[in-house]
Protein backbone atom coordinates (compact mmCIF):
# COMPACT_ATOMS: atom_id res chain seq x y z
CA MET A 1 0.03 0.03 -0.02
CA ALA A 2 1.60 3.35 -0.87
CA THR A 3 1.39 6.45 1.25
CA THR A 4 0.77 9.75 -0.44
CA LYS A 5 1.43 13.05 1.07
CA HIS A 6 -1.32 15.77 0.68
CA ALA A 7 -0.27 19.32 0.42
CA SER A 8 -3.26 20.41 2.62
CA MET A 9 -1.91 18.12 5.59
CA GLY A 10 0.76 19.36 7.89
CA SER A 11 3.18 16.90 9.41
CA THR A 12 1.27 16.77 12.63
CA ASP A 13 -1.81 15.76 10.78
CA ARG A 14 -0.19 13.15 9.01
CA TRP A 15 1.20 11.87 12.23
CA GLU A 16 -2.06 11.95 13.87
CA ASN A 17 -3.66 10.13 11.05
CA ASP A 18 -0.80 7.20 11.20
CA GLY A 19 -0.91 6.69 15.01
CA GLY A 20 -4.04 8.28 16.39
CA ARG A 21 -4.84 11.68 17.95
CA MET A 22 -2.17 13.72 19.71
CA LEU A 23 -3.57 14.18 23.34
CA PRO A 24 -2.18 16.93 25.60
CA GLU A 25 0.03 15.27 28.33
CA ARG A 26 -1.72 15.34 31.68
CA PRO A 27 0.34 14.31 34.79
CA LEU A 28 -1.34 11.84 37.03
CA LEU A 29 -3.00 13.15 40.03
CA ASP A 30 -1.28 12.16 43.32
CA ASP A 31 -3.02 12.55 46.74
CA LEU A 32 -1.34 15.96 47.28
CA GLN A 33 -2.65 17.34 43.88
CA ILE A 34 -6.00 15.96 44.77
CA GLU A 35 -5.93 17.66 48.18
CA LEU A 36 -4.75 21.07 46.85
CA LYS A 37 -7.50 20.96 44.23
CA ARG A 38 -10.25 19.95 46.80
CA HIS A 39 -9.16 23.02 48.80
CA GLY A 40 -8.77 25.37 45.94
CA VAL A 41 -5.09 25.94 46.56
CA VAL A 42 -3.29 26.96 43.21
CA PRO A 43 0.42 26.72 42.70
CA VAL A 44 2.05 29.95 41.61
CA GLN A 45 5.51 30.21 40.08
CA LEU A 46 7.89 32.45 41.87
CA ILE A 47 10.84 34.14 40.26
CA MET A 48 13.72 34.59 42.79
CA PHE A 49 16.98 36.73 42.01
CA ASP A 50 20.15 35.44 43.51
CA CYS A 51 22.87 38.00 44.23
CA GLY A 52 25.93 37.56 46.67
CA GLY A 53 24.74 34.55 48.15
CA TYR A 54 21.42 36.14 49.02
CA ARG A 55 17.92 35.69 47.33
CA TYR A 56 15.48 38.43 46.58
CA SER A 57 11.82 38.29 45.29
CA ASN A 58 12.09 41.99 44.19
CA ALA A 59 14.40 42.71 41.13
CA ARG A 60 15.11 46.24 42.32
CA ASP A 61 16.37 44.91 45.61
CA ALA A 62 18.72 42.43 43.88
CA ILE A 63 20.03 45.28 41.57
CA ALA A 64 20.53 47.52 44.52
CA ALA A 65 22.62 44.56 46.25
CA ALA A 66 24.51 44.02 43.17
CA LYS A 67 25.53 47.68 42.85
CA ARG A 68 26.77 47.46 46.57
CA LEU A 69 28.77 44.59 45.98
CA SER A 70 30.52 46.10 42.88
CA ARG A 71 31.57 49.42 44.88
CA PRO A 72 34.99 49.49 46.04
CA VAL A 73 35.07 49.56 49.93
CA SER A 74 36.81 52.76 51.10
CA GLU A 75 39.36 52.26 54.03
C-alpha cells in the first residue's frame, strides 16, 4: 500500500492520521494534587533573584545589592 502526502496536511496531521490523535500530556494526580484541588489551592511560580549569596523576590532589591557589591570599599 502506497502512502501519499497531501499538500493540505501538515506533518502533525499526517502523524495523527498514522497513529491516532495527539492528546495533551496530563500528569497523574497524586494525593497531594487532589488535596490541593479540593481546597482550591493554586500553585504559583515565583521568580527569585540570586545575588551575593542572598535571594531576593524583588528585582530592584537584587540590583541594589549587586551595586553595593560592585562598589569599592573605602578604608
